[in-house]
Amino acid sequence: MGAKEQPLEAGRQRLDKWLFFARMAKSRSIAQSYIQSGNIKVNGAPVRQSSHMVKTGDRLEIAIERMDRILIVKAPGERRGPYEEAKLLYDDQTPPREPKDRMTLLEQAVRLPGSGRPTKKERRALDRFISDAENPED
């Protein structure tokens, strides 16, 4: 442990380290870029310094890459471990997503039984239709 580093018993930890240990970022440098871009709020105030210290009870609002989360810090991290260990560091207060009216990509890709690929005759008719639509003067 370095001279500048505070012991974990104090319950405080650098924000970039905590995000890395809690598996919110793949690396500390990515966590630092999230913080510097203003995507992280601590207790409602935007934070732009990676060295900002978080403590137990702090409320983090994270808005990064299709992931909007609200987390309450439960403990400082000691290492970047598996997901099961990382989720013990926070309490997720994120409201559940509202159901989407759009079909998912999987639902769009599923075809009705028996409606597989077009036959050669259907394909030629489709090609004729498309070429007629592109060249109406012919």
C-alpha atoms as a PDB file:
ATOM      1  CA  MET A   1       0.000   0.000   0.000  1.00  0.00           C
ATOM      2  CA  GLY A   2       1.457   3.367  -1.060  1.00  0.00           C
ATOM      3  CA  ALA A   3       1.894   6.371   1.196  1.00  0.00           C
ATOM      4  CA  LYS A   4      -0.825   8.343  -0.625  1.00  0.00           C
ATOM      5  CA  GLU A   5      -3.357   5.503  -0.620  1.00  0.00           C
ATOM      6  CA  GLN A   6      -5.990   5.558   2.118  1.00  0.00           C
ATOM      7  CA  PRO A   7      -6.848   2.296   3.865  1.00  0.00           C
ATOM      8  CA  LEU A   8     -10.117   0.643   2.836  1.00  0.00           C
ATOM      9  CA  GLU A   9     -11.310   0.753   6.437  1.00  0.00           C
ATOM     10  CA  ALA A  10     -11.893   4.491   5.990  1.00  0.00           C
ATOM     11  CA  GLY A  11     -14.727   3.501   3.633  1.00  0.00           C
ATOM     12  CA  ARG A  12     -13.592   5.895   0.910  1.00  0.00           C
ATOM     13  CA  GLN A  13     -12.237   5.062  -2.523  1.00  0.00           C
ATOM     14  CA  ARG A  14     -11.371   6.805  -5.781  1.00  0.00           C
ATOM     15  CA  LEU A  15     -14.355   6.945  -8.115  1.00  0.00           C
ATOM     16  CA  ASP A  16     -12.493   5.448 -11.083  1.00  0.00           C
ATOM     17  CA  LYS A  17     -11.274   2.520  -8.987  1.00  0.00           C
ATOM     18  CA  TRP A  18     -14.760   1.896  -7.602  1.00  0.00           C
ATOM     19  CA  LEU A  19     -16.340   1.904 -11.085  1.00  0.00           C
ATOM     20  CA  PHE A  20     -13.686  -0.572 -12.233  1.00  0.00           C
ATOM     21  CA  PHE A  21     -14.103  -2.854  -9.213  1.00  0.00           C
ATOM     22  CA  ALA A  22     -17.920  -2.718  -9.515  1.00  0.00           C
ATOM     23  CA  ARG A  23     -17.585  -3.772 -13.189  1.00  0.00           C
ATOM     24  CA  MET A  24     -19.219  -0.601 -14.542  1.00  0.00           C
ATOM     25  CA  ALA A  25     -16.147  -0.063 -16.768  1.00  0.00           C
ATOM     26  CA  LYS A  26     -13.804  -2.570 -18.403  1.00  0.00           C
ATOM     27  CA  SER A  27     -10.688  -0.673 -17.315  1.00  0.00           C
ATOM     28  CA  ARG A  28      -9.719   2.216 -15.067  1.00  0.00           C
ATOM     29  CA  SER A  29      -8.787   4.332 -18.066  1.00  0.00           C
ATOM     30  CA  ILE A  30     -12.269   3.801 -19.539  1.00  0.00           C
ATOM     31  CA  ALA A  31     -13.771   4.684 -16.140  1.00  0.00           C
ATOM     32  CA  GLN A  32     -11.662   7.860 -16.119  1.00  0.00           C
ATOM     33  CA  SER A  33     -12.908   8.831 -19.586  1.00  0.00           C
ATOM     34  CA  TYR A  34     -16.541   8.336 -18.454  1.00  0.00           C
ATOM     35  CA  ILE A  35     -15.907  10.585 -15.458  1.00  0.00           C
ATOM     36  CA  GLN A  36     -14.098  13.303 -17.438  1.00  0.00           C
ATOM     37  CA  SER A  37     -16.892  13.411 -20.024  1.00  0.00           C
ATOM     38  CA  GLY A  38     -19.396  14.258 -17.262  1.00  0.00           C
ATOM     39  CA  ASN A  39     -21.436  11.048 -17.500  1.00  0.00           C
ATOM     40  CA  ILE A  40     -21.179  10.301 -13.762  1.00  0.00           C
ATOM     41  CA  LYS A  41     -23.001  12.204 -11.019  1.00  0.00           C
ATOM     42  CA  VAL A  42     -22.298  11.696  -7.330  1.00  0.00           C
ATOM     43  CA  ASN A  43     -25.177  12.708  -5.043  1.00  0.00           C
ATOM     44  CA  GLY A  44     -26.729  14.704  -7.907  1.00  0.00           C
ATOM     45  CA  ALA A  45     -23.612  16.752  -8.741  1.00  0.00           C
ATOM     46  CA  PRO A  46     -21.602  16.019 -11.902  1.00  0.00           C
ATOM     47  CA  VAL A  47     -18.051  14.917 -11.145  1.00  0.00           C
ATOM     48  CA  ARG A  48     -15.201  15.358 -13.625  1.00  0.00           C
ATOM     49  CA  GLN A  49     -12.249  14.229 -11.498  1.00  0.00           C
ATOM     50  CA  SER A  50     -11.296  10.567 -11.335  1.00  0.00           C
ATOM     51  CA  SER A  51      -9.738  11.144  -7.923  1.00  0.00           C
ATOM     52  CA  HIS A  52     -13.120  12.110  -6.399  1.00  0.00           C
ATOM     53  CA  MET A  53     -13.575   9.956  -3.312  1.00  0.00           C
ATOM     54  CA  VAL A  54     -16.806   7.977  -2.921  1.00  0.00           C
ATOM     55  CA  LYS A  55     -17.986   6.532   0.362  1.00  0.00           C
ATOM     56  CA  THR A  56     -20.675   4.185   1.563  1.00  0.00           C
ATOM     57  CA  GLY A  57     -24.116   5.689   1.015  1.00  0.00           C
ATOM     58  CA  ASP A  58     -23.171   7.872  -1.976  1.00  0.00           C
ATOM     59  CA  ARG A  59     -25.680   7.875  -4.841  1.00  0.00           C
ATOM     60  CA  LEU A  60     -24.130   7.466  -8.305  1.00  0.00           C
ATOM     61  CA  GLU A  61     -26.016   8.272 -11.505  1.00  0.00           C
ATOM     62  CA  ILE A  62     -24.277   6.646 -14.444  1.00  0.00           C
ATOM     63  CA  ALA A  63     -25.252   7.467 -18.041  1.00  0.00           C
ATOM     64  CA  ILE A  64     -22.922   5.610 -20.404  1.00  0.00           C
ATOM     65  CA  GLU A  65     -23.334   3.622 -23.616  1.00  0.00           C
ATOM     66  CA  ARG A  66     -27.023   2.642 -23.504  1.00  0.00           C
ATOM     67  CA  MET A  67     -26.712   2.064 -19.744  1.00  0.00           C
ATOM     68  CA  ASP A  68     -28.477   4.466 -17.402  1.00  0.00           C
ATOM     69  CA  ARG A  69     -28.092   3.272 -13.836  1.00  0.00           C
ATOM     70  CA  ILE A  70     -28.624   4.636 -10.357  1.00  0.00           C
ATOM     71  CA  LEU A  71     -26.439   2.951  -7.745  1.00  0.00           C
ATOM     72  CA  ILE A  72     -25.982   3.360  -4.011  1.00  0.00           C
ATOM     73  CA  VAL A  73     -22.428   2.570  -2.872  1.00  0.00           C
ATOM     74  CA  LYS A  74     -22.507  -0.183  -0.233  1.00  0.00           C
ATOM     75  CA  ALA A  75     -18.784  -0.814   0.142  1.00  0.00           C
ATOM     76  CA  PRO A  76     -15.392   0.070  -1.329  1.00  0.00           C
ATOM     77  CA  GLY A  77     -13.865  -2.553  -3.602  1.00  0.00           C
ATOM     78  CA  GLU A  78     -10.690  -4.474  -2.946  1.00  0.00           C
ATOM     79  CA  ARG A  79     -10.228  -6.013  -6.390  1.00  0.00           C
ATOM     80  CA  ARG A  80     -11.991  -6.537  -9.706  1.00  0.00           C
ATOM     81  CA  GLY A  81     -13.558  -9.900  -9.121  1.00  0.00           C
ATOM     82  CA  PRO A  82     -16.408 -11.829 -10.699  1.00  0.00           C
ATOM     83  CA  TYR A  83     -19.838 -10.275 -11.178  1.00  0.00           C
ATOM     84  CA  GLU A  84     -21.239 -12.015  -8.090  1.00  0.00           C
ATOM     85  CA  GLU A  85     -18.561 -10.328  -5.959  1.00  0.00           C
ATOM     86  CA  ALA A  86     -18.880  -6.950  -7.728  1.00  0.00           C
ATOM     87  CA  LYS A  87     -22.636  -6.648  -7.224  1.00  0.00           C
ATOM     88  CA  LEU A  88     -22.095  -6.732  -3.451  1.00  0.00           C
ATOM     89  CA  LEU A  89     -20.448  -3.284  -3.748  1.00  0.00           C
ATOM     90  CA  TYR A  90     -23.663  -1.486  -4.712  1.00  0.00           C
ATOM     91  CA  ASP A  91     -27.437  -1.430  -4.394  1.00  0.00           C
ATOM     92  CA  ASP A  92     -29.065  -0.951  -7.809  1.00  0.00           C
ATOM     93  CA  GLN A  93     -31.865   1.663  -7.623  1.00  0.00           C
ATOM     94  CA  THR A  94     -32.378   1.825 -11.412  1.00  0.00           C
ATOM     95  CA  PRO A  95     -36.104   1.918 -12.268  1.00  0.00           C
ATOM     96  CA  PRO A  96     -37.220  -0.997 -14.448  1.00  0.00           C
ATOM     97  CA  ARG A  97     -37.336  -0.358 -18.162  1.00  0.00           C
ATOM     98  CA  GLU A  98     -40.699   0.173 -19.743  1.00  0.00           C
ATOM     99  CA  PRO A  99     -41.693  -2.497 -22.257  1.00  0.00           C
ATOM    100  CA  LYS A 100     -41.025  -1.581 -25.869  1.00  0.00           C
ATOM    101  CA  ASP A 101     -43.729  -1.654 -28.512  1.00  0.00           C
ATOM    102  CA  ARG A 102     -41.210  -2.466 -31.234  1.00  0.00           C
ATOM    103  CA  MET A 103     -40.314  -6.024 -32.116  1.00  0.00           C
ATOM    104  CA  THR A 104     -36.891  -7.265 -31.078  1.00  0.00           C
ATOM    105  CA  LEU A 105     -34.362  -8.271 -33.720  1.00  0.00           C
ATOM    106  CA  LEU A 106     -35.050 -11.924 -32.954  1.00  0.00           C
ATOM    107  CA  GLU A 107     -38.789 -11.464 -33.392  1.00  0.00           C
ATOM    108  CA  GLN A 108     -38.176  -9.673 -36.701  1.00  0.00           C
ATOM    109  CA  ALA A 109     -35.947 -12.487 -37.947  1.00  0.00           C
ATOM    110  CA  VAL A 110     -38.432 -15.275 -37.197  1.00  0.00           C
ATOM    111  CA  ARG A 111     -40.527 -16.219 -40.219  1.00  0.00           C
ATOM    112  CA  LEU A 112     -43.804 -18.065 -40.365  1.00  0.00           C
ATOM    113  CA  PRO A 113     -43.476 -21.830 -40.829  1.00  0.00           C
ATOM    114  CA  GLY A 114     -43.524 -22.750 -44.509  1.00  0.00           C
ATOM    115  CA  SER A 115     -42.668 -19.230 -45.654  1.00  0.00           C
ATOM    116  CA  GLY A 116     -38.981 -19.937 -46.218  1.00  0.00           C
ATOM    117  CA  ARG A 117     -36.927 -18.650 -49.099  1.00  0.00           C
ATOM    118  CA  PRO A 118     -38.749 -17.595 -52.260  1.00  0.00           C
ATOM    119  CA  THR A 119     -38.850 -20.060 -55.134  1.00  0.00           C
ATOM    120  CA  LYS A 120     -36.970 -19.322 -58.340  1.00  0.00           C
ATOM    121  CA  LYS A 121     -40.216 -18.235 -60.013  1.00  0.00           C
ATOM    122  CA  GLU A 122     -41.121 -15.899 -57.110  1.00  0.00           C
ATOM    123  CA  ARG A 123     -37.584 -14.468 -57.111  1.00  0.00           C
ATOM    124  CA  ARG A 124     -37.731 -13.671 -60.853  1.00  0.00           C
ATOM    125  CA  ALA A 125     -41.117 -11.989 -60.386  1.00  0.00           C
ATOM    126  CA  LEU A 126     -39.706  -9.943 -57.519  1.00  0.00           C
ATOM    127  CA  ASP A 127     -36.672  -8.926 -59.613  1.00  0.00           C
ATOM    128  CA  ARG A 128     -38.968  -7.855 -62.476  1.00  0.00           C
ATOM    129  CA  PHE A 129     -41.113  -5.842 -60.057  1.00  0.00           C
ATOM    130  CA  ILE A 130     -38.081  -4.086 -58.554  1.00  0.00           C
ATOM    131  CA  SER A 131     -36.535  -3.295 -61.943  1.00  0.00           C
ATOM    132  CA  ASP A 132     -39.893  -1.915 -63.189  1.00  0.00           C
ATOM    133  CA  ALA A 133     -40.161   0.266 -60.076  1.00  0.00           C
ATOM    134  CA  GLU A 134     -36.626   1.615 -60.596  1.00  0.00           C
ATOM    135  CA  ASN A 135     -37.068   2.249 -64.351  1.00  0.00           C
ATOM    136  CA  PRO A 136     -40.696   3.305 -64.911  1.00  0.00           C
ATOM    137  CA  GLU A 137     -39.994   4.740 -68.412  1.00  0.00           C
ATOM    138  CA  ASP A 138     -38.923   1.383 -69.912  1.00  0.00           C
END
